Each structure stands twice: as C-alpha cells, then as structure tokens.
Protein backbone atom coordinates (compact mmCIF):
# COMPACT_ATOMS: atom_id res chain seq x y z
CA UNK A 1 0.00 0.00 0.00
CA UNK A 2 2.85 2.37 0.81
CA UNK A 3 4.33 1.77 -2.67
CA UNK A 4 1.11 2.95 -4.31
CA UNK A 5 0.94 6.03 -2.10
CA UNK A 6 4.56 7.00 -2.79
CA UNK A 7 4.09 6.50 -6.53
CA UNK A 8 1.02 8.75 -6.51
CA UNK A 9 2.85 11.42 -4.48
CA UNK A 10 5.70 11.44 -6.99
CA UNK A 11 3.20 11.51 -9.87
CA UNK A 12 1.23 14.48 -8.53
CA UNK A 13 4.41 16.54 -8.36
CA UNK A 14 5.32 15.60 -11.93
CA UNK A 15 1.91 16.63 -13.36
CA UNK A 16 3.10 20.22 -13.77
CA UNK A 17 6.32 19.24 -15.51
CA UNK A 18 4.72 16.73 -17.88
CA UNK A 19 2.23 19.22 -19.36
CA UNK A 20 4.72 20.59 -21.91
CA UNK A 21 5.85 17.19 -23.28
CA UNK A 22 2.21 16.13 -23.50
CA UNK A 23 1.39 19.27 -25.52
CA UNK A 24 4.25 18.50 -27.88
CA UNK A 25 3.10 14.89 -28.32
CA UNK A 26 -0.49 15.92 -29.02
CA UNK A 27 0.70 18.56 -31.51
CA UNK A 28 2.71 15.87 -33.30
CA UNK A 29 -0.32 13.57 -33.40
CA UNK A 30 -2.47 16.46 -34.62
CA UNK A 31 -0.12 17.04 -37.57
CA UNK A 32 -0.65 13.43 -38.65
CA UNK A 33 -4.39 13.12 -37.91
CA UNK A 34 -7.14 15.72 -37.74
CA UNK A 35 -8.54 15.94 -34.22
CA UNK A 36 -11.59 17.73 -32.90
CA UNK A 37 -11.07 20.10 -29.99
CA UNK A 38 -12.74 17.71 -27.55
CA UNK A 39 -10.52 14.79 -28.59
CA UNK A 40 -7.50 17.10 -28.43
CA UNK A 41 -8.29 18.08 -24.83
CA UNK A 42 -9.00 14.51 -23.70
CA UNK A 43 -5.81 13.28 -25.35
CA UNK A 44 -3.78 16.07 -23.76
CA UNK A 45 -5.07 15.33 -20.26
CA UNK A 46 -4.68 11.57 -20.59
CA UNK A 47 -1.13 11.79 -21.94
CA UNK A 48 -0.19 14.21 -19.15
CA UNK A 49 -1.50 11.82 -16.52
CA UNK A 50 0.14 8.82 -18.20
CA UNK A 51 3.53 10.52 -18.43
CA UNK A 52 3.41 11.66 -14.81
CA UNK A 53 2.48 8.15 -13.65
CA UNK A 54 5.35 6.67 -15.66
CA UNK A 55 7.81 9.15 -14.16
CA UNK A 56 6.38 8.50 -10.69
CA UNK A 57 6.91 4.76 -11.16
CA UNK A 58 10.43 5.37 -12.38
CA UNK A 59 11.25 7.57 -9.38
CA UNK A 60 9.84 5.00 -6.96
CA UNK A 61 11.34 1.80 -8.35
CA UNK A 62 14.52 2.89 -10.11
C-alpha cells in the first residue's frame, strides 16, 4: 500500500512538468491526424497523466 501512495505522491508533483511534453506529443499527433477540440483536450489530459504516472513509477522503483 505504501508503494502505491509514494508512486502517486511522486506523480502528482510531476503533473506540472509533464504538461509541456504532453502538448508536444499531441501537436505531433495532430499534424498526422485531424482531431476535434474535444478529442484534443482529452488526449492532452490523458497523456499528461500517463507521463506523470510513468515518471512516478520510475522515481519509486529505479
């Protein structure tokens, strides 16, 4: 249980820093495929959360 809590603490901190890479990734995807604004926003938020969780896992277990 403590591992999950520490991973989430690390991930919450990284949310701010992962916003820019997520914007760049979504812009790259948008150049390849046309996206509506709603899909763009959902993709941006989900990639931001995914990247921050991945960094949080890396910080916890590496």
